[in-house]
Amino acid sequence: MKQFIITYHAPLDAAWRTAESTPEEMEVGMKAWMDWAERCGSKLVDFGTPLGNGFDIKPGGRVGNSESTIIGYSIMEADNMEEARDLCLEHPHLDWNEACQIVIHESLPVPGS
């Protein structure tokens, strides 16, 4: 099995609006995510977490607030990229906001290891 890192992208204003959701709205949203996780079964090896408060670190030690749109991640095992993609096609994150997207990266071996 190959391992894939799934990152969830959304505009920051959409993420802030979610933080202001009512508990009932959050419960409905999380149910959709839990249903997706159940469909993935054991292929979803790490459900992941939301991400926030990012910093960019650049050459020369320059540090600043990140403008990244990555707001969360998951880790999945699948036979190939196509299987990982198919498991994400109906992900509830894609219904959240028109600007949302999911990016899937295959985790590759470290060169020389």
C-alpha atoms as a PDB file:
ATOM      1  CA  MET A   1       0.000   0.000   0.000  1.00  0.00           C
ATOM      2  CA  LYS A   2       1.068   3.524  -0.733  1.00  0.00           C
ATOM      3  CA  GLN A   3       0.497   6.405   1.637  1.00  0.00           C
ATOM      4  CA  PHE A   4      -1.105   9.686   0.615  1.00  0.00           C
ATOM      5  CA  ILE A   5      -1.240  13.051   2.357  1.00  0.00           C
ATOM      6  CA  ILE A   6      -4.526  14.830   1.747  1.00  0.00           C
ATOM      7  CA  THR A   7      -4.640  18.566   2.338  1.00  0.00           C
ATOM      8  CA  TYR A   8      -7.838  20.556   2.564  1.00  0.00           C
ATOM      9  CA  HIS A   9      -7.750  24.066   1.135  1.00  0.00           C
ATOM     10  CA  ALA A  10     -10.244  26.884   1.683  1.00  0.00           C
ATOM     11  CA  PRO A  11     -10.201  30.663   1.746  1.00  0.00           C
ATOM     12  CA  LEU A  12      -9.412  31.966   5.217  1.00  0.00           C
ATOM     13  CA  ASP A  13     -12.709  33.860   5.426  1.00  0.00           C
ATOM     14  CA  ALA A  14     -14.576  30.553   4.992  1.00  0.00           C
ATOM     15  CA  ALA A  15     -12.553  29.000   7.806  1.00  0.00           C
ATOM     16  CA  TRP A  16     -13.327  31.968  10.075  1.00  0.00           C
ATOM     17  CA  ARG A  17     -17.046  31.636   9.315  1.00  0.00           C
ATOM     18  CA  THR A  18     -16.908  27.985  10.359  1.00  0.00           C
ATOM     19  CA  ALA A  19     -15.351  28.966  13.668  1.00  0.00           C
ATOM     20  CA  GLU A  20     -18.473  31.067  14.278  1.00  0.00           C
ATOM     21  CA  SER A  21     -20.881  28.186  13.529  1.00  0.00           C
ATOM     22  CA  THR A  22     -23.408  27.098  16.114  1.00  0.00           C
ATOM     23  CA  PRO A  23     -22.842  23.769  17.850  1.00  0.00           C
ATOM     24  CA  GLU A  24     -25.749  22.345  15.831  1.00  0.00           C
ATOM     25  CA  GLU A  25     -24.195  23.490  12.530  1.00  0.00           C
ATOM     26  CA  MET A  26     -20.840  22.006  13.551  1.00  0.00           C
ATOM     27  CA  GLU A  27     -22.503  18.709  14.441  1.00  0.00           C
ATOM     28  CA  VAL A  28     -24.138  18.464  11.002  1.00  0.00           C
ATOM     29  CA  GLY A  29     -20.842  19.293   9.291  1.00  0.00           C
ATOM     30  CA  MET A  30     -18.874  16.759  11.330  1.00  0.00           C
ATOM     31  CA  LYS A  31     -21.440  14.032  10.641  1.00  0.00           C
ATOM     32  CA  ALA A  32     -20.723  14.395   6.912  1.00  0.00           C
ATOM     33  CA  TRP A  33     -16.984  14.039   7.617  1.00  0.00           C
ATOM     34  CA  MET A  34     -17.560  10.994   9.844  1.00  0.00           C
ATOM     35  CA  ASP A  35     -19.715   9.392   7.142  1.00  0.00           C
ATOM     36  CA  TRP A  36     -16.878   9.943   4.653  1.00  0.00           C
ATOM     37  CA  ALA A  37     -14.354   8.440   7.097  1.00  0.00           C
ATOM     38  CA  GLU A  38     -16.594   5.405   7.525  1.00  0.00           C
ATOM     39  CA  ARG A  39     -16.765   4.931   3.729  1.00  0.00           C
ATOM     40  CA  CYS A  40     -12.947   5.021   3.607  1.00  0.00           C
ATOM     41  CA  GLY A  41     -12.690   2.405   6.342  1.00  0.00           C
ATOM     42  CA  SER A  42      -9.192   1.232   7.237  1.00  0.00           C
ATOM     43  CA  LYS A  43      -7.705   3.120   4.269  1.00  0.00           C
ATOM     44  CA  LEU A  44      -8.017   6.327   6.311  1.00  0.00           C
ATOM     45  CA  VAL A  45      -5.083   5.783   8.680  1.00  0.00           C
ATOM     46  CA  ASP A  46      -5.144   9.264  10.236  1.00  0.00           C
ATOM     47  CA  PHE A  47      -8.324  11.349  10.153  1.00  0.00           C
ATOM     48  CA  GLY A  48      -6.127  14.401  10.736  1.00  0.00           C
ATOM     49  CA  THR A  49      -7.012  17.727  12.292  1.00  0.00           C
ATOM     50  CA  PRO A  50      -7.842  21.287  11.339  1.00  0.00           C
ATOM     51  CA  LEU A  51      -4.800  23.521  10.920  1.00  0.00           C
ATOM     52  CA  GLY A  52      -4.399  27.202  11.698  1.00  0.00           C
ATOM     53  CA  ASN A  53      -2.099  29.969  12.864  1.00  0.00           C
ATOM     54  CA  GLY A  54       0.546  29.222  10.228  1.00  0.00           C
ATOM     55  CA  PHE A  55       3.881  30.983   9.869  1.00  0.00           C
ATOM     56  CA  ASP A  56       6.129  31.182   6.826  1.00  0.00           C
ATOM     57  CA  ILE A  57       9.833  30.754   7.472  1.00  0.00           C
ATOM     58  CA  LYS A  58      11.977  31.967   4.607  1.00  0.00           C
ATOM     59  CA  PRO A  59      15.705  32.058   3.876  1.00  0.00           C
ATOM     60  CA  GLY A  60      17.614  34.391   6.133  1.00  0.00           C
ATOM     61  CA  GLY A  61      15.288  33.687   9.062  1.00  0.00           C
ATOM     62  CA  ARG A  62      12.476  35.885   7.797  1.00  0.00           C
ATOM     63  CA  VAL A  63       9.260  34.843   9.506  1.00  0.00           C
ATOM     64  CA  GLY A  64       5.739  36.030   8.841  1.00  0.00           C
ATOM     65  CA  ASN A  65       2.117  35.000   8.908  1.00  0.00           C
ATOM     66  CA  SER A  66       1.368  32.388   6.288  1.00  0.00           C
ATOM     67  CA  GLU A  67      -1.082  33.052   3.512  1.00  0.00           C
ATOM     68  CA  SER A  68      -1.485  29.325   2.901  1.00  0.00           C
ATOM     69  CA  THR A  69      -4.999  28.091   2.254  1.00  0.00           C
ATOM     70  CA  ILE A  70      -4.313  24.708   3.878  1.00  0.00           C
ATOM     71  CA  ILE A  71      -6.813  24.346   6.703  1.00  0.00           C
ATOM     72  CA  GLY A  72      -6.475  20.630   7.504  1.00  0.00           C
ATOM     73  CA  TYR A  73      -5.059  17.267   6.531  1.00  0.00           C
ATOM     74  CA  SER A  74      -5.694  13.513   6.527  1.00  0.00           C
ATOM     75  CA  ILE A  75      -3.474  10.511   5.783  1.00  0.00           C
ATOM     76  CA  MET A  76      -4.740   7.657   3.650  1.00  0.00           C
ATOM     77  CA  GLU A  77      -3.378   4.348   2.403  1.00  0.00           C
ATOM     78  CA  ALA A  78      -4.435   3.143  -1.024  1.00  0.00           C
ATOM     79  CA  ASP A  79      -3.115   0.910  -3.792  1.00  0.00           C
ATOM     80  CA  ASN A  80      -2.541   3.884  -6.106  1.00  0.00           C
ATOM     81  CA  MET A  81      -3.340   7.561  -6.698  1.00  0.00           C
ATOM     82  CA  GLU A  82      -6.518   6.719  -8.579  1.00  0.00           C
ATOM     83  CA  GLU A  83      -7.947   4.847  -5.594  1.00  0.00           C
ATOM     84  CA  ALA A  84      -7.028   7.712  -3.237  1.00  0.00           C
ATOM     85  CA  ARG A  85      -8.618  10.196  -5.658  1.00  0.00           C
ATOM     86  CA  ASP A  86     -11.794   8.135  -5.939  1.00  0.00           C
ATOM     87  CA  LEU A  87     -12.136   8.014  -2.155  1.00  0.00           C
ATOM     88  CA  CYS A  88     -11.978  11.838  -2.070  1.00  0.00           C
ATOM     89  CA  LEU A  89     -14.329  12.614  -4.978  1.00  0.00           C
ATOM     90  CA  GLU A  90     -17.401  12.872  -2.744  1.00  0.00           C
ATOM     91  CA  HIS A  91     -15.658  14.408   0.252  1.00  0.00           C
ATOM     92  CA  PRO A  92     -17.893  16.848   2.197  1.00  0.00           C
ATOM     93  CA  HIS A  93     -15.122  19.469   2.205  1.00  0.00           C
ATOM     94  CA  LEU A  94     -15.887  20.065  -1.472  1.00  0.00           C
ATOM     95  CA  ASP A  95     -19.480  21.048  -0.630  1.00  0.00           C
ATOM     96  CA  TRP A  96     -18.469  23.576   2.001  1.00  0.00           C
ATOM     97  CA  ASN A  97     -17.455  26.511  -0.193  1.00  0.00           C
ATOM     98  CA  GLU A  98     -17.062  26.955  -3.942  1.00  0.00           C
ATOM     99  CA  ALA A  99     -13.383  27.863  -3.506  1.00  0.00           C
ATOM    100  CA  CYS A 100     -12.590  24.702  -1.519  1.00  0.00           C
ATOM    101  CA  GLN A 101     -10.314  22.060  -2.924  1.00  0.00           C
ATOM    102  CA  ILE A 102      -8.525  18.899  -1.901  1.00  0.00           C
ATOM    103  CA  VAL A 103      -4.918  18.179  -2.876  1.00  0.00           C
ATOM    104  CA  ILE A 104      -3.560  14.642  -2.696  1.00  0.00           C
ATOM    105  CA  HIS A 105       0.176  13.948  -2.555  1.00  0.00           C
ATOM    106  CA  GLU A 106       1.791  10.532  -2.581  1.00  0.00           C
ATOM    107  CA  SER A 107       4.266  10.127   0.252  1.00  0.00           C
ATOM    108  CA  LEU A 108       7.528   9.040  -1.399  1.00  0.00           C
ATOM    109  CA  PRO A 109      10.565   7.370   0.153  1.00  0.00           C
ATOM    110  CA  VAL A 110      13.333   9.645   1.360  1.00  0.00           C
ATOM    111  CA  PRO A 111      16.175   9.531  -1.215  1.00  0.00           C
ATOM    112  CA  GLY A 112      19.062   7.355  -0.097  1.00  0.00           C
ATOM    113  CA  SER A 113      17.098   5.578   2.636  1.00  0.00           C
END
